[in-house]
Amino acid sequence: MVNSSYKGTYIVLIDPYSQLLKKSIMNIQHQSGDTKGEFYLEENGEVKAKLTYSKLGNTQIIIDHTEVSEDLRGEDIGKQLVETAVQFARDHDLKILPLCPFAKATIEKDESLQDVLRG
């Protein structure tokens, strides 16, 4: 189910003083099929946060949903999922159309993330 041009694991460094998982490295995983994909954070076999997207051809992705479990809210996990998706888009020369209100607001607030927006 994983398209080889889109597979990979992205490691995101976080503040070592954060209480998130009591670790300084958060492993955001990625899986992708022919038309959809997601970045997600799994803890003890349970998905605790995810960002889903749809592929629009080979040049664009549409971020359609971001979700973070109650116990991880306030830890900037949603923002890190968006940042990971942006880096993925850069790495694969893709543009992003953020239909998810959270992803759209996150990208609009941070000019450094806007280079991948669909024009």
Protein backbone atom coordinates (compact mmCIF):
# COMPACT_ATOMS: atom_id res chain seq x y z
CA MET A 1 0.00 0.00 0.00
CA VAL A 2 2.95 2.35 0.44
CA ASN A 3 4.04 4.20 -2.66
CA SER A 4 7.83 4.09 -2.64
CA SER A 5 8.17 7.69 -3.80
CA TYR A 6 6.23 8.83 -0.72
CA LYS A 7 7.35 6.51 2.05
CA GLY A 8 9.61 7.45 4.92
CA THR A 9 9.85 8.24 8.56
CA TYR A 10 10.41 11.78 9.70
CA ILE A 11 12.11 12.42 13.02
CA VAL A 12 11.20 15.74 14.62
CA LEU A 13 13.29 17.13 17.46
CA ILE A 14 11.29 18.71 20.23
CA ASP A 15 12.12 20.67 23.35
CA PRO A 16 13.90 18.19 25.67
CA TYR A 17 12.11 19.75 28.64
CA SER A 18 8.71 18.89 27.19
CA GLN A 19 6.72 16.25 29.00
CA LEU A 20 5.66 14.74 25.68
CA LEU A 21 6.43 11.03 25.92
CA LYS A 22 9.29 11.89 28.30
CA LYS A 23 11.66 11.87 25.30
CA SER A 24 13.57 14.47 23.33
CA ILE A 25 12.79 12.78 20.01
CA MET A 26 9.30 12.30 18.66
CA ASN A 27 8.91 9.77 15.86
CA ILE A 28 6.29 11.01 13.43
CA GLN A 29 5.57 8.18 11.05
CA HIS A 30 4.29 8.36 7.49
CA GLN A 31 2.22 6.03 5.39
CA SER A 32 0.90 6.60 1.93
CA GLY A 33 -1.31 4.86 -0.59
CA ASP A 34 -2.18 5.68 -4.18
CA THR A 35 -4.48 8.60 -3.37
CA LYS A 36 -4.15 9.34 0.35
CA GLY A 37 -1.56 9.50 3.09
CA GLU A 38 -1.02 10.44 6.69
CA PHE A 39 1.58 11.50 9.18
CA TYR A 40 0.93 10.12 12.63
CA LEU A 41 2.29 9.71 16.13
CA GLU A 42 1.75 6.33 17.74
CA GLU A 43 2.21 5.51 21.42
CA ASN A 44 1.86 1.97 22.77
CA GLY A 45 0.16 0.83 19.57
CA GLU A 46 -2.40 3.66 19.65
CA VAL A 47 -2.45 6.56 17.20
CA LYS A 48 -2.35 9.69 19.37
CA ALA A 49 -2.14 12.32 16.64
CA LYS A 50 -2.43 12.44 12.86
CA LEU A 51 -2.56 14.66 9.83
CA THR A 52 -4.25 13.23 6.75
CA TYR A 53 -3.93 14.33 3.14
CA SER A 54 -5.14 13.47 -0.34
CA LYS A 55 -2.90 13.48 -3.38
CA LEU A 56 -3.78 15.73 -6.27
CA GLY A 57 -1.79 14.22 -9.11
CA ASN A 58 1.95 14.00 -8.58
CA THR A 59 2.52 17.65 -7.74
CA GLN A 60 0.15 18.56 -4.89
CA ILE A 61 -1.28 17.33 -1.62
CA ILE A 62 -4.44 18.52 0.09
CA ILE A 63 -4.21 18.54 3.88
CA ASP A 64 -7.75 17.68 4.92
CA HIS A 65 -7.58 16.84 8.64
CA THR A 66 -5.38 17.23 11.72
CA GLU A 67 -6.24 15.53 14.99
CA VAL A 68 -4.46 15.32 18.37
CA SER A 69 -5.65 13.28 21.34
CA GLU A 70 -6.78 15.13 24.47
CA ASP A 71 -3.78 13.98 26.51
CA LEU A 72 -1.31 15.54 24.03
CA ARG A 73 -3.10 18.84 23.43
CA GLY A 74 -1.08 21.92 24.25
CA GLU A 75 2.21 20.21 23.33
CA ASP A 76 2.41 21.68 19.78
CA ILE A 77 1.99 18.21 18.27
CA GLY A 78 -0.47 19.48 15.65
CA LYS A 79 1.99 22.16 14.62
CA GLN A 80 4.78 19.60 14.37
CA LEU A 81 2.61 17.41 12.16
CA VAL A 82 2.02 20.38 9.85
CA GLU A 83 5.74 21.23 9.85
CA THR A 84 6.53 17.61 8.96
CA ALA A 85 4.05 17.69 6.07
CA VAL A 86 5.61 20.94 4.84
CA GLN A 87 9.10 19.40 4.95
CA PHE A 88 7.80 16.34 3.13
CA ALA A 89 6.34 18.60 0.43
CA ARG A 90 9.68 20.39 0.08
CA ASP A 91 11.58 17.10 -0.13
CA HIS A 92 9.25 15.84 -2.88
CA ASP A 93 8.75 19.13 -4.75
CA LEU A 94 5.02 19.24 -3.91
CA LYS A 95 2.63 22.10 -3.29
CA ILE A 96 0.13 22.07 -0.43
CA LEU A 97 -3.51 23.10 -0.40
CA PRO A 98 -4.46 23.25 3.31
CA LEU A 99 -8.22 22.69 3.55
CA CYS A 100 -7.95 21.70 7.21
CA PRO A 101 -8.59 24.90 9.22
CA PHE A 102 -5.83 24.09 11.74
CA ALA A 103 -3.22 23.39 9.07
CA LYS A 104 -4.24 26.49 7.13
CA ALA A 105 -3.97 28.73 10.21
CA THR A 106 -0.64 27.20 11.22
CA ILE A 107 0.87 27.81 7.79
CA GLU A 108 -0.58 31.32 7.53
CA LYS A 109 0.92 32.29 10.93
CA ASP A 110 4.45 31.15 10.02
CA GLU A 111 5.98 32.72 6.92
CA SER A 112 8.72 30.06 6.86
CA LEU A 113 6.08 27.43 6.01
CA GLN A 114 4.44 29.32 3.16
CA ASP A 115 6.86 28.44 0.35
CA VAL A 116 4.95 25.21 -0.36
CA LEU A 117 1.49 26.75 -0.61
CA ARG A 118 -0.30 26.24 -3.87
CA GLY A 119 -0.34 29.55 -5.68
